[in-house]
Amino acid sequence: MCSTLGGLRSKPKRGVGPGFEVSFLKPATVLDQYGIKGRSAIVGRDNYMADPRLLAAGYLNTAIARGAQLYAPVEVTDIEANASGVTAATKNGPEIRAKSLVFATGYEMAKGAPKKGNTIISTWVIATKPQPRKIWPTGCIIWEANDPYLYIRTTPEGHVICGGEDAEIADADERDALNDAKTARLVEKLGKLLPMIDATADFSWSGSFGDSKTGTPTIGPVPKMPNCYAAMGYGGNGITFSMIAAQMLRGMITGAGDADSDLVSFTRRF
């Protein structure tokens, strides 16, 4: 069982693969440098952490500055799609008309879109109290490559965030009923892996995300809905898949197409 550490500064040993700057650390080195006992590790570089709300707000503000219009909150209740365009009815009355429409609704597949091959997974997270003086060297991102996996990162204030323990649960009530047990399990795992920190949960929460058999997203035209497209990312790769979706959908909507579109299309998933 290996831990994957990100963002370290040690000199890489190349040769693992093209374009991947990584190093392999033996257990003695991992213990000496990071205080983690009995684990080998792969060290990756050029990782980064971001506040998702600030990041999203920054992207939206940039889009607005370039001419996009943003209306929120708006609940779309029905979609009428045909060869000439798309009309979206809203809960409060106004209609939205567009040449093309993109569903980017997270793990919730839009009404009328095929759901086969798409599943909902539940996940749990804890955050400790701020303890900046106890953070491991470099405060690197830690990923335990196990099943269930475990990920650990820090905040600028020194909180330790630890999550994982995923389960194939789609029902929110069933998910929340496990919150106490999952929180206790995460606290236990965090404390064993990093004994130098206080693993007590100051906050804990759970949530849902989309998944697929291959872990790949669904990107492209929605069957039987002309001029409608989907950008449905999955798992912990949302940022990567979002960029891929943006580039692919730009080509599809403008008519340029995309050579790899069949890899992530709705029909490919069946």
C-alpha atoms as a PDB file:
ATOM      1  CA  MET A   1       0.000   0.000   0.000  1.00  0.00           C
ATOM      2  CA  CYS A   2       1.516   3.298  -1.083  1.00  0.00           C
ATOM      3  CA  SER A   3       0.985   6.913  -0.209  1.00  0.00           C
ATOM      4  CA  THR A   4       1.210   9.428  -3.013  1.00  0.00           C
ATOM      5  CA  LEU A   5       2.709  12.752  -1.964  1.00  0.00           C
ATOM      6  CA  GLY A   6       2.424  15.853  -4.144  1.00  0.00           C
ATOM      7  CA  GLY A   7       4.273  19.140  -4.408  1.00  0.00           C
ATOM      8  CA  LEU A   8       7.644  18.151  -2.909  1.00  0.00           C
ATOM      9  CA  ARG A   9      10.941  19.787  -3.741  1.00  0.00           C
ATOM     10  CA  SER A  10      13.396  16.903  -3.733  1.00  0.00           C
ATOM     11  CA  LYS A  11      15.364  16.163  -6.912  1.00  0.00           C
ATOM     12  CA  PRO A  12      13.361  13.838  -9.197  1.00  0.00           C
ATOM     13  CA  LYS A  13      14.584  10.494 -10.494  1.00  0.00           C
ATOM     14  CA  ARG A  14      13.450  10.494 -14.072  1.00  0.00           C
ATOM     15  CA  GLY A  15      12.529   7.546 -16.229  1.00  0.00           C
ATOM     16  CA  VAL A  16       9.095   6.687 -14.792  1.00  0.00           C
ATOM     17  CA  GLY A  17       7.303   7.971 -17.862  1.00  0.00           C
ATOM     18  CA  PRO A  18       7.260  10.803 -20.398  1.00  0.00           C
ATOM     19  CA  GLY A  19       6.003  14.081 -18.997  1.00  0.00           C
ATOM     20  CA  PHE A  20       5.676  12.862 -15.399  1.00  0.00           C
ATOM     21  CA  GLU A  21       8.215  14.315 -13.000  1.00  0.00           C
ATOM     22  CA  VAL A  22       8.096  11.923 -10.051  1.00  0.00           C
ATOM     23  CA  SER A  23      10.354  10.247  -7.518  1.00  0.00           C
ATOM     24  CA  PHE A  24      10.024   6.996  -5.600  1.00  0.00           C
ATOM     25  CA  LEU A  25      10.761   7.183  -1.867  1.00  0.00           C
ATOM     26  CA  LYS A  26      11.530   4.187   0.315  1.00  0.00           C
ATOM     27  CA  PRO A  27       9.858   3.865   3.750  1.00  0.00           C
ATOM     28  CA  ALA A  28      12.918   5.126   5.653  1.00  0.00           C
ATOM     29  CA  THR A  29      12.966   8.319   3.582  1.00  0.00           C
ATOM     30  CA  VAL A  30       9.215   8.855   3.950  1.00  0.00           C
ATOM     31  CA  LEU A  31       9.516   8.509   7.724  1.00  0.00           C
ATOM     32  CA  ASP A  32      12.525  10.818   7.915  1.00  0.00           C
ATOM     33  CA  GLN A  33      11.088  13.545   5.671  1.00  0.00           C
ATOM     34  CA  TYR A  34       7.359  13.386   6.441  1.00  0.00           C
ATOM     35  CA  GLY A  35       6.867  11.460   9.652  1.00  0.00           C
ATOM     36  CA  ILE A  36       4.823   8.715   7.958  1.00  0.00           C
ATOM     37  CA  LYS A  37       5.824   5.256   9.152  1.00  0.00           C
ATOM     38  CA  GLY A  38       6.004   2.062   7.128  1.00  0.00           C
ATOM     39  CA  ARG A  39       5.019   3.464   3.726  1.00  0.00           C
ATOM     40  CA  SER A  40       6.714   3.851   0.402  1.00  0.00           C
ATOM     41  CA  ALA A  41       5.636   6.852  -1.647  1.00  0.00           C
ATOM     42  CA  ILE A  42       5.607   8.346  -5.095  1.00  0.00           C
ATOM     43  CA  VAL A  43       6.346  12.072  -5.066  1.00  0.00           C
ATOM     44  CA  GLY A  44       4.739  14.139  -7.805  1.00  0.00           C
ATOM     45  CA  ARG A  45       5.330  17.781  -8.688  1.00  0.00           C
ATOM     46  CA  ASP A  46       3.428  20.780 -10.027  1.00  0.00           C
ATOM     47  CA  ASN A  47       0.298  19.951  -8.001  1.00  0.00           C
ATOM     48  CA  TYR A  48      -1.736  22.801  -6.589  1.00  0.00           C
ATOM     49  CA  MET A  49      -4.639  23.503  -4.262  1.00  0.00           C
ATOM     50  CA  ALA A  50      -7.356  26.097  -4.776  1.00  0.00           C
ATOM     51  CA  ASP A  51     -10.430  27.406  -2.986  1.00  0.00           C
ATOM     52  CA  PRO A  52     -13.211  26.092  -5.269  1.00  0.00           C
ATOM     53  CA  ARG A  53     -15.607  28.962  -4.533  1.00  0.00           C
ATOM     54  CA  LEU A  54     -12.992  31.635  -5.198  1.00  0.00           C
ATOM     55  CA  LEU A  55     -11.816  29.783  -8.295  1.00  0.00           C
ATOM     56  CA  ALA A  56     -15.349  29.521  -9.706  1.00  0.00           C
ATOM     57  CA  ALA A  57     -16.048  33.174  -8.899  1.00  0.00           C
ATOM     58  CA  GLY A  58     -12.850  34.182 -10.681  1.00  0.00           C
ATOM     59  CA  TYR A  59     -13.796  32.262 -13.817  1.00  0.00           C
ATOM     60  CA  LEU A  60     -17.317  33.718 -13.814  1.00  0.00           C
ATOM     61  CA  ASN A  61     -16.039  37.268 -13.342  1.00  0.00           C
ATOM     62  CA  THR A  62     -13.623  36.793 -16.230  1.00  0.00           C
ATOM     63  CA  ALA A  63     -16.430  35.477 -18.438  1.00  0.00           C
ATOM     64  CA  ILE A  64     -18.643  38.449 -17.537  1.00  0.00           C
ATOM     65  CA  ALA A  65     -15.816  40.874 -18.310  1.00  0.00           C
ATOM     66  CA  ARG A  66     -15.600  39.304 -21.770  1.00  0.00           C
ATOM     67  CA  GLY A  67     -19.298  39.755 -22.482  1.00  0.00           C
ATOM     68  CA  ALA A  68     -21.029  36.743 -20.915  1.00  0.00           C
ATOM     69  CA  GLN A  69     -24.278  37.326 -19.026  1.00  0.00           C
ATOM     70  CA  LEU A  70     -24.971  35.620 -15.710  1.00  0.00           C
ATOM     71  CA  TYR A  71     -28.417  35.183 -14.150  1.00  0.00           C
ATOM     72  CA  ALA A  72     -28.744  33.469 -10.773  1.00  0.00           C
ATOM     73  CA  PRO A  73     -30.559  31.875  -9.133  1.00  0.00           C
ATOM     74  CA  VAL A  74     -32.658  30.520 -12.023  1.00  0.00           C
ATOM     75  CA  GLU A  75     -34.313  27.095 -11.998  1.00  0.00           C
ATOM     76  CA  VAL A  76     -34.893  25.567 -15.430  1.00  0.00           C
ATOM     77  CA  THR A  77     -37.988  23.356 -15.366  1.00  0.00           C
ATOM     78  CA  ASP A  78     -38.332  22.201 -18.985  1.00  0.00           C
ATOM     79  CA  ILE A  79     -36.326  22.047 -22.218  1.00  0.00           C
ATOM     80  CA  GLU A  80     -37.734  22.169 -25.747  1.00  0.00           C
ATOM     81  CA  ALA A  81     -35.073  21.282 -28.299  1.00  0.00           C
ATOM     82  CA  ASN A  82     -35.332  21.115 -32.075  1.00  0.00           C
ATOM     83  CA  ALA A  83     -33.227  21.638 -35.182  1.00  0.00           C
ATOM     84  CA  SER A  84     -33.553  25.439 -35.020  1.00  0.00           C
ATOM     85  CA  GLY A  85     -32.492  25.888 -31.396  1.00  0.00           C
ATOM     86  CA  VAL A  86     -33.348  25.357 -27.736  1.00  0.00           C
ATOM     87  CA  THR A  87     -35.942  26.970 -25.445  1.00  0.00           C
ATOM     88  CA  ALA A  88     -35.607  26.586 -21.685  1.00  0.00           C
ATOM     89  CA  ALA A  89     -38.616  27.305 -19.460  1.00  0.00           C
ATOM     90  CA  THR A  90     -37.872  28.614 -15.955  1.00  0.00           C
ATOM     91  CA  LYS A  91     -39.717  28.265 -12.662  1.00  0.00           C
ATOM     92  CA  ASN A  92     -40.521  31.972 -12.418  1.00  0.00           C
ATOM     93  CA  GLY A  93     -41.799  32.349 -15.977  1.00  0.00           C
ATOM     94  CA  PRO A  94     -39.166  33.804 -18.345  1.00  0.00           C
ATOM     95  CA  GLU A  95     -37.955  31.648 -21.222  1.00  0.00           C
ATOM     96  CA  ILE A  96     -34.370  31.373 -22.393  1.00  0.00           C
ATOM     97  CA  ARG A  97     -33.741  30.863 -26.099  1.00  0.00           C
ATOM     98  CA  ALA A  98     -30.387  29.789 -27.483  1.00  0.00           C
ATOM     99  CA  LYS A  99     -28.835  28.146 -30.502  1.00  0.00           C
ATOM    100  CA  SER A 100     -27.125  25.607 -28.260  1.00  0.00           C
ATOM    101  CA  LEU A 101     -27.442  24.514 -24.631  1.00  0.00           C
ATOM    102  CA  VAL A 102     -24.879  22.768 -22.432  1.00  0.00           C
ATOM    103  CA  PHE A 103     -25.875  20.762 -19.350  1.00  0.00           C
ATOM    104  CA  ALA A 104     -23.156  21.147 -16.716  1.00  0.00           C
ATOM    105  CA  THR A 105     -25.139  19.967 -13.715  1.00  0.00           C
ATOM    106  CA  GLY A 106     -22.536  18.058 -11.756  1.00  0.00           C
ATOM    107  CA  TYR A 107     -23.624  14.544 -10.864  1.00  0.00           C
ATOM    108  CA  GLU A 108     -27.323  15.224 -11.572  1.00  0.00           C
ATOM    109  CA  MET A 109     -28.060  14.090 -15.102  1.00  0.00           C
ATOM    110  CA  ALA A 110     -30.554  16.364 -16.838  1.00  0.00           C
ATOM    111  CA  LYS A 111     -34.111  15.173 -17.442  1.00  0.00           C
ATOM    112  CA  GLY A 112     -34.313  13.459 -20.804  1.00  0.00           C
ATOM    113  CA  ALA A 113     -30.620  12.557 -20.929  1.00  0.00           C
ATOM    114  CA  PRO A 114     -29.689   8.843 -20.812  1.00  0.00           C
ATOM    115  CA  LYS A 115     -28.612   7.774 -17.343  1.00  0.00           C
ATOM    116  CA  LYS A 116     -27.254   4.338 -18.158  1.00  0.00           C
ATOM    117  CA  GLY A 117     -23.658   3.970 -17.040  1.00  0.00           C
ATOM    118  CA  ASN A 118     -23.912   6.872 -14.571  1.00  0.00           C
ATOM    119  CA  THR A 119     -23.988   6.211 -10.834  1.00  0.00           C
ATOM    120  CA  ILE A 120     -23.944   8.273  -7.624  1.00  0.00           C
ATOM    121  CA  ILE A 121     -21.236   7.798  -4.997  1.00  0.00           C
ATOM    122  CA  SER A 122     -21.170   9.180  -1.448  1.00  0.00           C
ATOM    123  CA  THR A 123     -18.048  10.557   0.212  1.00  0.00           C
ATOM    124  CA  TRP A 124     -17.092  11.897   3.652  1.00  0.00           C
ATOM    125  CA  VAL A 125     -14.684  14.596   4.872  1.00  0.00           C
ATOM    126  CA  ILE A 126     -13.343  15.977   8.153  1.00  0.00           C
ATOM    127  CA  ALA A 127     -11.411  19.140   9.007  1.00  0.00           C
ATOM    128  CA  THR A 128      -9.312  19.581  12.129  1.00  0.00           C
ATOM    129  CA  LYS A 129      -8.783  22.748  14.128  1.00  0.00           C
ATOM    130  CA  PRO A 130      -5.973  25.036  12.871  1.00  0.00           C
ATOM    131  CA  GLN A 131      -2.562  23.646  13.863  1.00  0.00           C
ATOM    132  CA  PRO A 132       0.024  25.253  11.549  1.00  0.00           C
ATOM    133  CA  ARG A 133       2.983  24.262  13.747  1.00  0.00           C
ATOM    134  CA  LYS A 134       2.133  20.554  13.483  1.00  0.00           C
ATOM    135  CA  ILE A 135       1.830  20.357   9.705  1.00  0.00           C
ATOM    136  CA  TRP A 136       4.225  17.881   8.074  1.00  0.00           C
ATOM    137  CA  PRO A 137       7.154  19.296   6.048  1.00  0.00           C
ATOM    138  CA  THR A 138       6.088  21.224   2.916  1.00  0.00           C
ATOM    139  CA  GLY A 139       2.414  20.597   3.755  1.00  0.00           C
ATOM    140  CA  CYS A 140       2.242  18.475   0.591  1.00  0.00           C
ATOM    141  CA  ILE A 141      -0.938  16.826  -0.615  1.00  0.00           C
ATOM    142  CA  ILE A 142      -1.161  13.186   0.485  1.00  0.00           C
ATOM    143  CA  TRP A 143      -3.075  10.469  -1.338  1.00  0.00           C
ATOM    144  CA  GLU A 144      -3.197   6.948   0.087  1.00  0.00           C
ATOM    145  CA  ALA A 145      -3.615   4.598  -2.861  1.00  0.00           C
ATOM    146  CA  ASN A 146      -5.918   2.128  -1.164  1.00  0.00           C
ATOM    147  CA  ASP A 147      -9.544   1.038  -1.430  1.00  0.00           C
ATOM    148  CA  PRO A 148     -11.168   2.964   0.081  1.00  0.00           C
ATOM    149  CA  TYR A 149      -8.648   5.704  -0.680  1.00  0.00           C
ATOM    150  CA  LEU A 150      -7.686   8.516   1.686  1.00  0.00           C
ATOM    151  CA  TYR A 151      -6.648  12.051   0.767  1.00  0.00           C
ATOM    152  CA  ILE A 152      -5.171  14.681   3.061  1.00  0.00           C
ATOM    153  CA  ARG A 153      -4.382  18.338   2.463  1.00  0.00           C
ATOM    154  CA  THR A 154      -4.038  21.568   4.435  1.00  0.00           C
ATOM    155  CA  THR A 155      -5.525  25.055   4.385  1.00  0.00           C
ATOM    156  CA  PRO A 156      -3.601  28.358   4.602  1.00  0.00           C
ATOM    157  CA  GLU A 157      -4.709  28.617   8.254  1.00  0.00           C
ATOM    158  CA  GLY A 158      -3.331  25.191   9.136  1.00  0.00           C
ATOM    159  CA  HIS A 159      -6.469  23.056   9.166  1.00  0.00           C
ATOM    160  CA  VAL A 160      -5.961  19.469   8.048  1.00  0.00           C
ATOM    161  CA  ILE A 161      -8.644  18.217   5.672  1.00  0.00           C
ATOM    162  CA  CYS A 162      -9.013  14.456   5.321  1.00  0.00           C
ATOM    163  CA  GLY A 163     -11.556  12.656   3.175  1.00  0.00           C
ATOM    164  CA  GLY A 164     -12.542   9.468   1.440  1.00  0.00           C
ATOM    165  CA  GLU A 165     -14.359   6.361   2.697  1.00  0.00           C
ATOM    166  CA  ASP A 166     -16.495   6.450  -0.462  1.00  0.00           C
ATOM    167  CA  ALA A 167     -19.507   4.155  -0.715  1.00  0.00           C
ATOM    168  CA  GLU A 168     -21.946   3.342  -3.510  1.00  0.00           C
ATOM    169  CA  ILE A 169     -24.839   5.158  -1.869  1.00  0.00           C
ATOM    170  CA  ALA A 170     -27.126   7.481  -3.837  1.00  0.00           C
ATOM    171  CA  ASP A 171     -29.745   8.238  -1.191  1.00  0.00           C
ATOM    172  CA  ALA A 172     -28.916  11.344   0.879  1.00  0.00           C
ATOM    173  CA  ASP A 173     -30.645  10.079   4.033  1.00  0.00           C
ATOM    174  CA  GLU A 174     -28.820   6.758   3.874  1.00  0.00           C
ATOM    175  CA  ARG A 175     -25.553   8.636   3.315  1.00  0.00           C
ATOM    176  CA  ASP A 176     -26.092  11.001   6.241  1.00  0.00           C
ATOM    177  CA  ALA A 177     -26.995   8.136   8.576  1.00  0.00           C
ATOM    178  CA  LEU A 178     -23.367   7.002   8.269  1.00  0.00           C
ATOM    179  CA  ASN A 179     -21.848  10.410   9.059  1.00  0.00           C
ATOM    180  CA  ASP A 180     -20.835   9.618  12.664  1.00  0.00           C
ATOM    181  CA  ALA A 181     -19.292   6.248  11.805  1.00  0.00           C
ATOM    182  CA  LYS A 182     -17.459   7.597   8.772  1.00  0.00           C
ATOM    183  CA  THR A 183     -16.178  10.611  10.727  1.00  0.00           C
ATOM    184  CA  ALA A 184     -14.790   8.322  13.428  1.00  0.00           C
ATOM    185  CA  ARG A 185     -13.117   6.160  10.798  1.00  0.00           C
ATOM    186  CA  LEU A 186     -11.465   9.163   9.111  1.00  0.00           C
ATOM    187  CA  VAL A 187     -10.221  10.473  12.469  1.00  0.00           C
ATOM    188  CA  GLU A 188      -8.751   7.033  13.220  1.00  0.00           C
ATOM    189  CA  LYS A 189      -7.013   6.750   9.842  1.00  0.00           C
ATOM    190  CA  LEU A 190      -5.657  10.299   9.964  1.00  0.00           C
ATOM    191  CA  GLY A 191      -4.291   9.827  13.474  1.00  0.00           C
ATOM    192  CA  LYS A 192      -2.499   6.595  12.571  1.00  0.00           C
ATOM    193  CA  LEU A 193      -0.967   7.978   9.390  1.00  0.00           C
ATOM    194  CA  LEU A 194       0.124  11.345  10.849  1.00  0.00           C
ATOM    195  CA  PRO A 195       0.587  10.914  14.623  1.00  0.00           C
ATOM    196  CA  MET A 196       2.217  14.329  14.949  1.00  0.00           C
ATOM    197  CA  ILE A 197      -1.094  16.173  14.423  1.00  0.00           C
ATOM    198  CA  ASP A 198      -4.336  16.385  16.400  1.00  0.00           C
ATOM    199  CA  ALA A 199      -6.718  14.353  14.240  1.00  0.00           C
ATOM    200  CA  THR A 200      -9.866  15.393  16.138  1.00  0.00           C
ATOM    201  CA  ALA A 201     -12.605  16.495  13.745  1.00  0.00           C
ATOM    202  CA  ASP A 202     -13.557  20.131  14.225  1.00  0.00           C
ATOM    203  CA  PHE A 203     -15.939  19.927  11.253  1.00  0.00           C
ATOM    204  CA  SER A 204     -17.280  17.000   9.264  1.00  0.00           C
ATOM    205  CA  TRP A 205     -19.560  16.679   6.267  1.00  0.00           C
ATOM    206  CA  SER A 206     -20.610  14.358   3.471  1.00  0.00           C
ATOM    207  CA  GLY A 207     -21.641  14.769  -0.136  1.00  0.00           C
ATOM    208  CA  SER A 208     -22.297  13.030  -3.426  1.00  0.00           C
ATOM    209  CA  PHE A 209     -20.561  12.913  -6.786  1.00  0.00           C
ATOM    210  CA  GLY A 210     -21.008  11.153 -10.090  1.00  0.00           C
ATOM    211  CA  ASP A 211     -19.163   8.048 -11.146  1.00  0.00           C
ATOM    212  CA  SER A 212     -18.917   5.706 -14.128  1.00  0.00           C
ATOM    213  CA  LYS A 213     -17.536   2.219 -14.682  1.00  0.00           C
ATOM    214  CA  THR A 214     -14.411   3.603 -16.316  1.00  0.00           C
ATOM    215  CA  GLY A 215     -14.162   6.820 -14.293  1.00  0.00           C
ATOM    216  CA  THR A 216     -14.458   8.854 -17.481  1.00  0.00           C
ATOM    217  CA  PRO A 217     -16.846  11.783 -18.011  1.00  0.00           C
ATOM    218  CA  THR A 218     -19.750  12.115 -20.428  1.00  0.00           C
ATOM    219  CA  ILE A 219     -19.134  14.900 -22.947  1.00  0.00           C
ATOM    220  CA  GLY A 220     -21.004  15.636 -26.153  1.00  0.00           C
ATOM    221  CA  PRO A 221     -24.434  15.768 -27.833  1.00  0.00           C
ATOM    222  CA  VAL A 222     -27.387  14.498 -25.802  1.00  0.00           C
ATOM    223  CA  PRO A 223     -29.268  11.796 -27.762  1.00  0.00           C
ATOM    224  CA  LYS A 224     -32.727  12.825 -29.044  1.00  0.00           C
ATOM    225  CA  MET A 225     -32.183  16.433 -27.900  1.00  0.00           C
ATOM    226  CA  PRO A 226     -30.957  18.492 -30.898  1.00  0.00           C
ATOM    227  CA  ASN A 227     -28.485  21.299 -30.111  1.00  0.00           C
ATOM    228  CA  CYS A 228     -28.132  20.079 -26.512  1.00  0.00           C
ATOM    229  CA  TYR A 229     -24.791  18.975 -25.093  1.00  0.00           C
ATOM    230  CA  ALA A 230     -23.552  17.629 -21.764  1.00  0.00           C
ATOM    231  CA  ALA A 231     -20.402  18.195 -19.743  1.00  0.00           C
ATOM    232  CA  MET A 232     -20.689  15.666 -16.945  1.00  0.00           C
ATOM    233  CA  GLY A 233     -17.431  15.209 -15.024  1.00  0.00           C
ATOM    234  CA  TYR A 234     -16.802  12.427 -12.540  1.00  0.00           C
ATOM    235  CA  GLY A 235     -14.847  11.699  -9.395  1.00  0.00           C
ATOM    236  CA  GLY A 236     -11.922  13.779  -8.249  1.00  0.00           C
ATOM    237  CA  ASN A 237     -10.914  14.826 -11.749  1.00  0.00           C
ATOM    238  CA  GLY A 238     -13.480  17.562 -12.250  1.00  0.00           C
ATOM    239  CA  ILE A 239     -11.023  20.353 -13.039  1.00  0.00           C
ATOM    240  CA  THR A 240      -9.237  18.260 -15.665  1.00  0.00           C
ATOM    241  CA  PHE A 241     -12.472  16.976 -17.206  1.00  0.00           C
ATOM    242  CA  SER A 242     -13.975  20.472 -17.246  1.00  0.00           C
ATOM    243  CA  MET A 243     -11.125  21.797 -19.369  1.00  0.00           C
ATOM    244  CA  ILE A 244     -11.374  18.790 -21.690  1.00  0.00           C
ATOM    245  CA  ALA A 245     -15.147  19.335 -21.969  1.00  0.00           C
ATOM    246  CA  ALA A 246     -14.745  23.041 -22.724  1.00  0.00           C
ATOM    247  CA  GLN A 247     -12.352  22.339 -25.577  1.00  0.00           C
ATOM    248  CA  MET A 248     -14.399  19.473 -26.999  1.00  0.00           C
ATOM    249  CA  LEU A 249     -17.737  21.280 -26.823  1.00  0.00           C
ATOM    250  CA  ARG A 250     -16.291  24.404 -28.395  1.00  0.00           C
ATOM    251  CA  GLY A 251     -15.329  22.306 -31.410  1.00  0.00           C
ATOM    252  CA  MET A 252     -18.672  20.514 -31.540  1.00  0.00           C
ATOM    253  CA  ILE A 253     -20.772  23.669 -31.296  1.00  0.00           C
ATOM    254  CA  THR A 254     -18.728  25.650 -33.815  1.00  0.00           C
ATOM    255  CA  GLY A 255     -18.689  22.755 -36.260  1.00  0.00           C
ATOM    256  CA  ALA A 256     -14.962  22.050 -36.034  1.00  0.00           C
ATOM    257  CA  GLY A 257     -15.616  18.763 -34.244  1.00  0.00           C
ATOM    258  CA  ASP A 258     -13.225  16.822 -32.032  1.00  0.00           C
ATOM    259  CA  ALA A 259     -11.216  13.760 -32.993  1.00  0.00           C
ATOM    260  CA  ASP A 260     -11.610  12.150 -29.545  1.00  0.00           C
ATOM    261  CA  SER A 261     -15.310  12.826 -29.007  1.00  0.00           C
ATOM    262  CA  ASP A 262     -16.280   9.166 -29.375  1.00  0.00           C
ATOM    263  CA  LEU A 263     -14.233   8.278 -26.269  1.00  0.00           C
ATOM    264  CA  VAL A 264     -16.586  10.156 -23.940  1.00  0.00           C
ATOM    265  CA  SER A 265     -19.894  10.296 -25.843  1.00  0.00           C
ATOM    266  CA  PHE A 266     -23.237   9.052 -24.517  1.00  0.00           C
ATOM    267  CA  THR A 267     -23.247   6.191 -27.020  1.00  0.00           C
ATOM    268  CA  ARG A 268     -19.765   5.087 -25.956  1.00  0.00           C
ATOM    269  CA  ARG A 269     -21.000   4.460 -22.407  1.00  0.00           C
ATOM    270  CA  PHE A 270     -23.600   1.846 -23.344  1.00  0.00           C
END
